[in-house]
PDB file of all heavy atoms in Angstrom:
ATOM      1  N   SER A   1      66.925  87.272 -25.699  1.00  0.00           N
ATOM      2  CA  SER A   1      67.298  88.069 -26.868  1.00  0.00           C
ATOM      3  C   SER A   1      66.206  87.941 -27.931  1.00  0.00           C
ATOM      4  O   SER A   1      65.548  86.903 -28.037  1.00  0.00           O
ATOM      5  CB  SER A   1      68.647  87.616 -27.436  1.00  0.00           C
ATOM      6  OG  SER A   1      68.551  86.323 -28.015  1.00  0.00           O
ATOM      7  N   VAL A   2      66.021  89.014 -28.688  1.00  0.00           N
ATOM      8  CA  VAL A   2      65.057  89.030 -29.785  1.00  0.00           C
ATOM      9  C   VAL A   2      65.805  89.414 -31.055  1.00  0.00           C
ATOM     10  O   VAL A   2      66.395  90.492 -31.132  1.00  0.00           O
ATOM     11  CB  VAL A   2      63.914  90.031 -29.511  1.00  0.00           C
ATOM     12  CG1 VAL A   2      62.944  90.060 -30.697  1.00  0.00           C
ATOM     13  CG2 VAL A   2      63.174  89.655 -28.234  1.00  0.00           C
ATOM     14  N   ASN A   3      65.814  88.512 -32.016  1.00  0.00           N
ATOM     15  CA  ASN A   3      66.553  88.712 -33.272  1.00  0.00           C
ATOM     16  C   ASN A   3      68.008  89.103 -32.998  1.00  0.00           C
ATOM     17  O   ASN A   3      68.565  90.007 -33.644  1.00  0.00           O
ATOM     18  CB  ASN A   3      65.872  89.761 -34.152  1.00  0.00           C
ATOM     19  CG  ASN A   3      64.577  89.238 -34.755  1.00  0.00           C
ATOM     20  OD1 ASN A   3      64.305  88.037 -34.729  1.00  0.00           O
ATOM     21  ND2 ASN A   3      63.773  90.124 -35.298  1.00  0.00           N
ATOM     22  N   GLY A   4      68.609  88.433 -32.033  1.00  0.00           N
ATOM     23  CA  GLY A   4      70.023  88.644 -31.730  1.00  0.00           C
ATOM     24  C   GLY A   4      70.320  89.815 -30.818  1.00  0.00           C
ATOM     25  O   GLY A   4      71.480  90.019 -30.426  1.00  0.00           O
ATOM     26  N   MET A   5      69.298  90.586 -30.442  1.00  0.00           N
ATOM     27  CA  MET A   5      69.507  91.752 -29.587  1.00  0.00           C
ATOM     28  C   MET A   5      69.109  91.411 -28.149  1.00  0.00           C
ATOM     29  O   MET A   5      67.974  91.002 -27.886  1.00  0.00           O
ATOM     30  CB  MET A   5      68.667  92.932 -30.076  1.00  0.00           C
ATOM     31  CG  MET A   5      68.868  94.213 -29.268  1.00  0.00           C
ATOM     32  SD  MET A   5      67.842  95.582 -29.889  1.00  0.00           S
ATOM     33  CE  MET A   5      68.502  95.766 -31.548  1.00  0.00           C
ATOM     34  N   ASN A   6      70.055  91.567 -27.225  1.00  0.00           N
ATOM     35  CA  ASN A   6      69.765  91.284 -25.821  1.00  0.00           C
ATOM     36  C   ASN A   6      68.744  92.263 -25.270  1.00  0.00           C
ATOM     37  O   ASN A   6      68.834  93.480 -25.508  1.00  0.00           O
ATOM     38  CB  ASN A   6      71.046  91.355 -24.984  1.00  0.00           C
ATOM     39  CG  ASN A   6      71.971  90.178 -25.245  1.00  0.00           C
ATOM     40  OD1 ASN A   6      71.512  89.083 -25.554  1.00  0.00           O
ATOM     41  ND2 ASN A   6      73.268  90.400 -25.117  1.00  0.00           N
ATOM     42  N   MET A   7      67.791  91.735 -24.550  1.00  0.00           N
ATOM     43  CA  MET A   7      66.729  92.548 -23.979  1.00  0.00           C
ATOM     44  C   MET A   7      66.861  92.568 -22.456  1.00  0.00           C
ATOM     45  O   MET A   7      67.331  91.603 -21.852  1.00  0.00           O
ATOM     46  CB  MET A   7      65.359  91.973 -24.359  1.00  0.00           C
ATOM     47  CG  MET A   7      65.166  91.759 -25.850  1.00  0.00           C
ATOM     48  SD  MET A   7      65.218  93.305 -26.789  1.00  0.00           S
ATOM     49  CE  MET A   7      63.661  94.040 -26.259  1.00  0.00           C
ATOM     50  N   PRO A   8      66.448  93.665 -21.836  1.00  0.00           N
ATOM     51  CA  PRO A   8      66.472  93.692 -20.358  1.00  0.00           C
ATOM     52  C   PRO A   8      65.463  92.685 -19.814  1.00  0.00           C
ATOM     53  O   PRO A   8      64.380  92.499 -20.377  1.00  0.00           O
ATOM     54  CB  PRO A   8      66.072  95.134 -20.023  1.00  0.00           C
ATOM     55  CG  PRO A   8      65.322  95.619 -21.227  1.00  0.00           C
ATOM     56  CD  PRO A   8      65.963  94.946 -22.399  1.00  0.00           C
ATOM     57  N   VAL A   9      65.834  92.019 -18.730  1.00  0.00           N
ATOM     58  CA  VAL A   9      64.939  91.040 -18.099  1.00  0.00           C
ATOM     59  C   VAL A   9      64.492  91.618 -16.763  1.00  0.00           C
ATOM     60  O   VAL A   9      65.265  91.637 -15.805  1.00  0.00           O
ATOM     61  CB  VAL A   9      65.644  89.687 -17.892  1.00  0.00           C
ATOM     62  CG1 VAL A   9      64.662  88.670 -17.338  1.00  0.00           C
ATOM     63  CG2 VAL A   9      66.255  89.180 -19.202  1.00  0.00           C
ATOM     64  N   PRO A  10      63.249  92.110 -16.693  1.00  0.00           N
ATOM     65  CA  PRO A  10      62.748  92.689 -15.432  1.00  0.00           C
ATOM     66  C   PRO A  10      62.751  91.653 -14.307  1.00  0.00           C
ATOM     67  O   PRO A  10      62.696  90.445 -14.556  1.00  0.00           O
ATOM     68  CB  PRO A  10      61.311  93.113 -15.780  1.00  0.00           C
ATOM     69  CG  PRO A  10      61.281  93.196 -17.276  1.00  0.00           C
ATOM     70  CD  PRO A  10      62.252  92.157 -17.768  1.00  0.00           C
ATOM     71  N   ASP A  11      62.792  92.130 -13.087  1.00  0.00           N
ATOM     72  CA  ASP A  11      62.813  91.237 -11.928  1.00  0.00           C
ATOM     73  C   ASP A  11      61.608  90.300 -11.920  1.00  0.00           C
ATOM     74  O   ASP A  11      61.728  89.128 -11.541  1.00  0.00           O
ATOM     75  CB  ASP A  11      62.850  92.050 -10.631  1.00  0.00           C
ATOM     76  CG  ASP A  11      64.194  92.746 -10.418  1.00  0.00           C
ATOM     77  OD1 ASP A  11      65.186  92.324 -11.058  1.00  0.00           O
ATOM     78  OD2 ASP A  11      64.258  93.694  -9.612  1.00  0.00           O
ATOM     79  N   ALA A  12      60.445  90.820 -12.336  1.00  0.00           N
ATOM     80  CA  ALA A  12      59.230  89.997 -12.351  1.00  0.00           C
ATOM     81  C   ALA A  12      59.381  88.830 -13.317  1.00  0.00           C
ATOM     82  O   ALA A  12      58.939  87.713 -13.040  1.00  0.00           O
ATOM     83  CB  ALA A  12      58.019  90.843 -12.732  1.00  0.00           C
ATOM     84  N   GLN A  13      60.028  89.092 -14.466  1.00  0.00           N
ATOM     85  CA  GLN A  13      60.232  88.020 -15.440  1.00  0.00           C
ATOM     86  C   GLN A  13      61.269  87.020 -14.950  1.00  0.00           C
ATOM     87  O   GLN A  13      61.137  85.817 -15.167  1.00  0.00           O
ATOM     88  CB  GLN A  13      60.661  88.598 -16.791  1.00  0.00           C
ATOM     89  CG  GLN A  13      60.665  87.570 -17.915  1.00  0.00           C
ATOM     90  CD  GLN A  13      60.925  88.188 -19.273  1.00  0.00           C
ATOM     91  OE1 GLN A  13      60.961  89.403 -19.427  1.00  0.00           O
ATOM     92  NE2 GLN A  13      61.143  87.344 -20.266  1.00  0.00           N
ATOM     93  N   LYS A  14      62.298  87.506 -14.263  1.00  0.00           N
ATOM     94  CA  LYS A  14      63.295  86.611 -13.680  1.00  0.00           C
ATOM     95  C   LYS A  14      62.634  85.686 -12.652  1.00  0.00           C
ATOM     96  O   LYS A  14      62.921  84.484 -12.609  1.00  0.00           O
ATOM     97  CB  LYS A  14      64.415  87.419 -13.012  1.00  0.00           C
ATOM     98  CG  LYS A  14      65.352  88.114 -13.990  1.00  0.00           C
ATOM     99  CD  LYS A  14      66.440  88.872 -13.242  1.00  0.00           C
ATOM    100  CE  LYS A  14      67.382  89.555 -14.214  1.00  0.00           C
ATOM    101  NZ  LYS A  14      68.447  90.327 -13.506  1.00  0.00           N
ATOM    102  N   ALA A  15      61.760  86.257 -11.848  1.00  0.00           N
ATOM    103  CA  ALA A  15      61.055  85.457 -10.839  1.00  0.00           C
ATOM    104  C   ALA A  15      60.173  84.413 -11.511  1.00  0.00           C
ATOM    105  O   ALA A  15      60.076  83.272 -11.050  1.00  0.00           O
ATOM    106  CB  ALA A  15      60.214  86.370  -9.953  1.00  0.00           C
ATOM    107  N   GLU A  16      59.548  84.798 -12.629  1.00  0.00           N
ATOM    108  CA  GLU A  16      58.685  83.862 -13.351  1.00  0.00           C
ATOM    109  C   GLU A  16      59.502  82.730 -13.967  1.00  0.00           C
ATOM    110  O   GLU A  16      59.082  81.564 -13.937  1.00  0.00           O
ATOM    111  CB  GLU A  16      57.915  84.605 -14.453  1.00  0.00           C
ATOM    112  CG  GLU A  16      56.937  83.758 -15.229  1.00  0.00           C
ATOM    113  CD  GLU A  16      55.761  83.256 -14.395  1.00  0.00           C
ATOM    114  OE1 GLU A  16      55.565  83.747 -13.265  1.00  0.00           O
ATOM    115  OE2 GLU A  16      55.044  82.356 -14.881  1.00  0.00           O
ATOM    116  N   LEU A  17      60.670  83.035 -14.513  1.00  0.00           N
ATOM    117  CA  LEU A  17      61.539  82.003 -15.068  1.00  0.00           C
ATOM    118  C   LEU A  17      62.004  81.043 -13.976  1.00  0.00           C
ATOM    119  O   LEU A  17      62.082  79.832 -14.191  1.00  0.00           O
ATOM    120  CB  LEU A  17      62.747  82.643 -15.767  1.00  0.00           C
ATOM    121  CG  LEU A  17      62.460  83.362 -17.083  1.00  0.00           C
ATOM    122  CD1 LEU A  17      63.704  84.104 -17.560  1.00  0.00           C
ATOM    123  CD2 LEU A  17      62.013  82.379 -18.154  1.00  0.00           C
ATOM    124  N   LYS A  18      62.282  81.602 -12.810  1.00  0.00           N
ATOM    125  CA  LYS A  18      62.701  80.770 -11.666  1.00  0.00           C
ATOM    126  C   LYS A  18      61.566  79.830 -11.256  1.00  0.00           C
ATOM    127  O   LYS A  18      61.781  78.654 -10.958  1.00  0.00           O
ATOM    128  CB  LYS A  18      63.100  81.666 -10.496  1.00  0.00           C
ATOM    129  CG  LYS A  18      63.821  80.936  -9.373  1.00  0.00           C
ATOM    130  CD  LYS A  18      64.342  81.920  -8.335  1.00  0.00           C
ATOM    131  CE  LYS A  18      65.103  81.191  -7.245  1.00  0.00           C
ATOM    132  NZ  LYS A  18      65.639  82.134  -6.222  1.00  0.00           N
ATOM    133  N   LYS A  19      60.342  80.343 -11.279  1.00  0.00           N
ATOM    134  CA  LYS A  19      59.178  79.507 -10.964  1.00  0.00           C
ATOM    135  C   LYS A  19      59.002  78.411 -12.009  1.00  0.00           C
ATOM    136  O   LYS A  19      58.646  77.281 -11.683  1.00  0.00           O
ATOM    137  CB  LYS A  19      57.915  80.372 -10.890  1.00  0.00           C
ATOM    138  CG  LYS A  19      57.817  81.258  -9.667  1.00  0.00           C
ATOM    139  CD  LYS A  19      56.508  82.025  -9.672  1.00  0.00           C
ATOM    140  CE  LYS A  19      56.377  82.922  -8.454  1.00  0.00           C
ATOM    141  NZ  LYS A  19      55.086  83.665  -8.468  1.00  0.00           N
ATOM    142  N   SER A  20      59.236  78.757 -13.260  1.00  0.00           N
ATOM    143  CA  SER A  20      59.091  77.783 -14.342  1.00  0.00           C
ATOM    144  C   SER A  20      60.074  76.629 -14.184  1.00  0.00           C
ATOM    145  O   SER A  20      59.722  75.459 -14.391  1.00  0.00           O
ATOM    146  CB  SER A  20      59.303  78.473 -15.691  1.00  0.00           C
ATOM    147  OG  SER A  20      59.202  77.552 -16.752  1.00  0.00           O
ATOM    148  N   ILE A  21      61.311  76.950 -13.806  1.00  0.00           N
ATOM    149  CA  ILE A  21      62.313  75.911 -13.575  1.00  0.00           C
ATOM    150  C   ILE A  21      61.901  75.033 -12.392  1.00  0.00           C
ATOM    151  O   ILE A  21      62.017  73.796 -12.438  1.00  0.00           O
ATOM    152  CB  ILE A  21      63.695  76.541 -13.314  1.00  0.00           C
ATOM    153  CG1 ILE A  21      64.233  77.213 -14.586  1.00  0.00           C
ATOM    154  CG2 ILE A  21      64.680  75.492 -12.828  1.00  0.00           C
ATOM    155  CD1 ILE A  21      64.537  76.266 -15.726  1.00  0.00           C
ATOM    156  N   ALA A  22      61.405  75.659 -11.330  1.00  0.00           N
ATOM    157  CA  ALA A  22      60.957  74.900 -10.157  1.00  0.00           C
ATOM    158  C   ALA A  22      59.785  73.992 -10.525  1.00  0.00           C
ATOM    159  O   ALA A  22      59.703  72.845 -10.060  1.00  0.00           O
ATOM    160  CB  ALA A  22      60.551  75.859  -9.044  1.00  0.00           C
ATOM    161  N   MET A  23      58.881  74.487 -11.377  1.00  0.00           N
ATOM    162  CA  MET A  23      57.737  73.686 -11.792  1.00  0.00           C
ATOM    163  C   MET A  23      58.186  72.454 -12.575  1.00  0.00           C
ATOM    164  O   MET A  23      57.687  71.346 -12.353  1.00  0.00           O
ATOM    165  CB  MET A  23      56.790  74.530 -12.649  1.00  0.00           C
ATOM    166  CG  MET A  23      55.553  73.778 -13.127  1.00  0.00           C
ATOM    167  SD  MET A  23      54.434  74.814 -14.101  1.00  0.00           S
ATOM    168  CE  MET A  23      55.405  75.032 -15.595  1.00  0.00           C
ATOM    169  N   GLN A  24      59.139  72.633 -13.481  1.00  0.00           N
ATOM    170  CA  GLN A  24      59.633  71.504 -14.259  1.00  0.00           C
ATOM    171  C   GLN A  24      60.328  70.482 -13.367  1.00  0.00           C
ATOM    172  O   GLN A  24      60.232  69.271 -13.592  1.00  0.00           O
ATOM    173  CB  GLN A  24      60.572  72.011 -15.351  1.00  0.00           C
ATOM    174  CG  GLN A  24      59.840  72.800 -16.426  1.00  0.00           C
ATOM    175  CD  GLN A  24      60.772  73.329 -17.499  1.00  0.00           C
ATOM    176  OE1 GLN A  24      61.690  72.642 -17.919  1.00  0.00           O
ATOM    177  NE2 GLN A  24      60.542  74.546 -17.934  1.00  0.00           N
ATOM    178  N   LYS A  25      61.022  70.995 -12.351  1.00  0.00           N
ATOM    179  CA  LYS A  25      61.674  70.094 -11.396  1.00  0.00           C
ATOM    180  C   LYS A  25      60.636  69.229 -10.697  1.00  0.00           C
ATOM    181  O   LYS A  25      60.805  68.007 -10.553  1.00  0.00           O
ATOM    182  CB  LYS A  25      62.456  70.923 -10.377  1.00  0.00           C
ATOM    183  CG  LYS A  25      63.217  70.109  -9.344  1.00  0.00           C
ATOM    184  CD  LYS A  25      64.002  71.038  -8.425  1.00  0.00           C
ATOM    185  CE  LYS A  25      64.807  70.273  -7.405  1.00  0.00           C
ATOM    186  NZ  LYS A  25      65.601  71.167  -6.523  1.00  0.00           N
ATOM    187  N   ILE A  26      59.545  69.841 -10.285  1.00  0.00           N
ATOM    188  CA  ILE A  26      58.472  69.104  -9.608  1.00  0.00           C
ATOM    189  C   ILE A  26      57.817  68.115 -10.558  1.00  0.00           C
ATOM    190  O   ILE A  26      57.490  66.983 -10.179  1.00  0.00           O
ATOM    191  CB  ILE A  26      57.442  70.087  -9.026  1.00  0.00           C
ATOM    192  CG1 ILE A  26      58.057  70.865  -7.862  1.00  0.00           C
ATOM    193  CG2 ILE A  26      56.185  69.344  -8.563  1.00  0.00           C
ATOM    194  CD1 ILE A  26      57.225  72.028  -7.382  1.00  0.00           C
ATOM    195  N   MET A  27      57.637  68.512 -11.811  1.00  0.00           N
ATOM    196  CA  MET A  27      56.999  67.633 -12.788  1.00  0.00           C
ATOM    197  C   MET A  27      57.868  66.441 -13.145  1.00  0.00           C
ATOM    198  O   MET A  27      57.382  65.460 -13.708  1.00  0.00           O
ATOM    199  CB  MET A  27      56.622  68.429 -14.042  1.00  0.00           C
ATOM    200  CG  MET A  27      55.463  69.392 -13.804  1.00  0.00           C
ATOM    201  SD  MET A  27      55.149  70.494 -15.207  1.00  0.00           S
ATOM    202  CE  MET A  27      54.685  69.300 -16.468  1.00  0.00           C
ATOM    203  N   ASN A  28      59.156  66.502 -12.799  1.00  0.00           N
ATOM    204  CA  ASN A  28      60.021  65.322 -12.947  1.00  0.00           C
ATOM    205  C   ASN A  28      59.707  64.274 -11.890  1.00  0.00           C
ATOM    206  O   ASN A  28      60.170  63.126 -11.977  1.00  0.00           O
ATOM    207  CB  ASN A  28      61.496  65.723 -12.843  1.00  0.00           C
ATOM    208  CG  ASN A  28      62.017  66.380 -14.102  1.00  0.00           C
ATOM    209  OD1 ASN A  28      61.438  66.217 -15.179  1.00  0.00           O
ATOM    210  ND2 ASN A  28      63.090  67.141 -13.983  1.00  0.00           N
ATOM    211  N   LEU A  29      58.965  64.689 -10.871  1.00  0.00           N
ATOM    212  CA  LEU A  29      58.389  63.829  -9.833  1.00  0.00           C
ATOM    213  C   LEU A  29      59.380  63.291  -8.800  1.00  0.00           C
ATOM    214  O   LEU A  29      59.151  63.416  -7.597  1.00  0.00           O
ATOM    215  CB  LEU A  29      57.613  62.654 -10.465  1.00  0.00           C
ATOM    216  CG  LEU A  29      56.416  63.044 -11.341  1.00  0.00           C
ATOM    217  CD1 LEU A  29      55.815  61.798 -12.003  1.00  0.00           C
ATOM    218  CD2 LEU A  29      55.357  63.767 -10.526  1.00  0.00           C
ATOM    219  N   THR A  30      60.461  62.663  -9.216  1.00  0.00           N
ATOM    220  CA  THR A  30      61.354  62.037  -8.232  1.00  0.00           C
ATOM    221  C   THR A  30      61.966  63.029  -7.237  1.00  0.00           C
ATOM    222  O   THR A  30      62.119  62.678  -6.053  1.00  0.00           O
ATOM    223  CB  THR A  30      62.479  61.228  -8.923  1.00  0.00           C
ATOM    224  OG1 THR A  30      63.191  62.068  -9.827  1.00  0.00           O
ATOM    225  CG2 THR A  30      61.897  60.038  -9.673  1.00  0.00           C
ATOM    226  N   PRO A  31      62.315  64.265  -7.638  1.00  0.00           N
ATOM    227  CA  PRO A  31      62.874  65.189  -6.644  1.00  0.00           C
ATOM    228  C   PRO A  31      61.917  65.477  -5.494  1.00  0.00           C
ATOM    229  O   PRO A  31      62.353  65.749  -4.370  1.00  0.00           O
ATOM    230  CB  PRO A  31      63.146  66.462  -7.465  1.00  0.00           C
ATOM    231  CG  PRO A  31      63.330  65.979  -8.856  1.00  0.00           C
ATOM    232  CD  PRO A  31      62.365  64.839  -8.997  1.00  0.00           C
ATOM    233  N   VAL A  32      60.614  65.412  -5.756  1.00  0.00           N
ATOM    234  CA  VAL A  32      59.619  65.716  -4.727  1.00  0.00           C
ATOM    235  C   VAL A  32      59.735  64.768  -3.539  1.00  0.00           C
ATOM    236  O   VAL A  32      59.519  65.156  -2.386  1.00  0.00           O
ATOM    237  CB  VAL A  32      58.197  65.642  -5.334  1.00  0.00           C
ATOM    238  CG1 VAL A  32      57.144  65.813  -4.253  1.00  0.00           C
ATOM    239  CG2 VAL A  32      58.027  66.703  -6.413  1.00  0.00           C
ATOM    240  N   LEU A  33      60.114  63.510  -3.812  1.00  0.00           N
ATOM    241  CA  LEU A  33      60.256  62.524  -2.746  1.00  0.00           C
ATOM    242  C   LEU A  33      61.696  62.378  -2.263  1.00  0.00           C
ATOM    243  O   LEU A  33      61.931  61.961  -1.136  1.00  0.00           O
ATOM    244  CB  LEU A  33      59.749  61.154  -3.218  1.00  0.00           C
ATOM    245  CG  LEU A  33      58.267  61.067  -3.624  1.00  0.00           C
ATOM    246  CD1 LEU A  33      57.902  59.628  -3.981  1.00  0.00           C
ATOM    247  CD2 LEU A  33      57.358  61.591  -2.524  1.00  0.00           C
ATOM    248  N   GLN A  34      62.643  62.723  -3.113  1.00  0.00           N
ATOM    249  CA  GLN A  34      64.052  62.487  -2.785  1.00  0.00           C
ATOM    250  C   GLN A  34      64.723  63.673  -2.100  1.00  0.00           C
ATOM    251  O   GLN A  34      65.696  63.492  -1.357  1.00  0.00           O
ATOM    252  CB  GLN A  34      64.827  62.137  -4.059  1.00  0.00           C
ATOM    253  CG  GLN A  34      64.400  60.827  -4.703  1.00  0.00           C
ATOM    254  CD  GLN A  34      65.076  60.611  -6.053  1.00  0.00           C
ATOM    255  OE1 GLN A  34      65.758  61.491  -6.570  1.00  0.00           O
ATOM    256  NE2 GLN A  34      64.878  59.440  -6.633  1.00  0.00           N
TER     257      GLN A  34
END
């Protein structure tokens, strides 16, 4: 949302957000081995 207005989230941006979450998971380090 921008200034309280919901914005459409294109598929490409959804995929990028999913990658960002996966990256943070890896940067936590322990999941990589567990």
